[in-house]
């Protein structure tokens, strides 16, 4: 089809006395988008304008893994249930009838050593120099499992899958370093954790090709409440490497950090540190209040923080049902809050956590499209402003193909990634100034070792002489996957930006 600038844009170009007509850019189709994905992938997509008019859709009702897009639902529900002024409290109390001190936790995942120092400084100003009894840790605001059903067991040693517990410090996360050495590499812990956490064993440095040929990978296994063990091999090119590990046991980790802090502040503990509850009669001696909910939503959405998401879910369960929070009542509360506040019914969705880490979560792009429309029309822009912005912040800051114009600063979206899953939901401002709602689920994303750069570049696994070539390394396959996904999203958002 052709169009004339004279008719559509009221611009008349005369060349030899004739009006110039140009070919209309072809509209983007789902079939074109599918060519950027490996065969066998499942694509669900829904693009709508501010009035809800559908611009593009495929598999709108198909239930697929939402991955971290679940955090959008958690953000909206927690905003309505907890309120923008909500803060986590961590307090110190004196038992009126004994020498015990009680520390009440609320699950604050960002409560760290600096916050603990503030709390203990307040207590010292109130005259606390000795704890003649025990230090009781009260985490009764939550109960049940620290992780949701359906999480990958291999993820559980990593910080991004740290347990969501009431008694927590520093994200239930610790850092270690793998130095660059010729021989086996052991982990080095910061001085503050030496003697508290132990990481035994070592990794053998090899090339990426050797790692693939030997079917070898780095293994980090929990051996006890305070001990990890390393085994296997690691690509030498990755060294030195900073490790971010979930605490082997969150309670033991908090106890150890508390012991160190008490010693640092010169507060003598005569008894033990143990789990307990606030008695009927008590006296508040120190109080720490976190930043407001807005900050936690920003951290959760921009950094895709799983621990914050699951803690907020449990907190909603505790508030809504006036009982200790857990995954089950948290999910029930989330469903009710979303239905009441947004008129979106989640009964067709399977939800087991607030983070999207679980493989058991199932949702559809139509639901997320409705959620985006609601976010777009909220008077308070807190959630929209917390979304990652292409080329500026969060998980889209360095996203290849989106970090430069025309997509830079024009795309706000939450990403969702698991093995074989790459999703995105958010907004794009087109060159015409329109705002479009975009939701994409890509599930079953698998790159065959015979794929070189993409589906259109499938090649035989042989060199020009017919000799069988070495298979691509795990690192190369990862780079190919990232390249294909980035190309897909760049193509989609560029076409939408241009109005195609």
Foldseek 3Di string as FASTA:
>chain_A
DKDFCCPPVVDADADVHDGDIDRDPDADAPVVLCQLFDPPWDKFKWKAFLVRHTPYTDQQFDKAQPFQVLLLLLLVLLCQQQNQQHWWKWFWWQFPVDLEIEIEFQQPLAAALVLVLQQVVLLVVVVFQERQEEYAYEQFLADDFQAWPFFDPQCDFALLRAGRGRQAYNSLKAKWKFAQDQAWTWTHGPPLCVVQAEEAETAGEDALLCCQVVVWDWGWAQDDQRYIYIYTHDHSVCPGDMGMTRRSHRVSVSQSSVVVSSVVVNYYYNYYYYHDHDDPDIGTRGMGIGGTPLVLLLCCQQALRQNSQQSSLQNQLCSVVVGRGDQVSSVVSSQVSCCVPQVQHCPVWDDRGSRSSGNRTIGGNNSLLSSQSVQVPDPDVSNQVSFDFACPGGPRVPQPLQNDPPNGRFWGWGWRDDVQWTWIWGWGQAPVRTIMTITMIIGNRDDDQQAQQGSVRRDDQADPVRHRHRGDGPVNRVVSSSNSVSVSVSVVRVSVNHPD
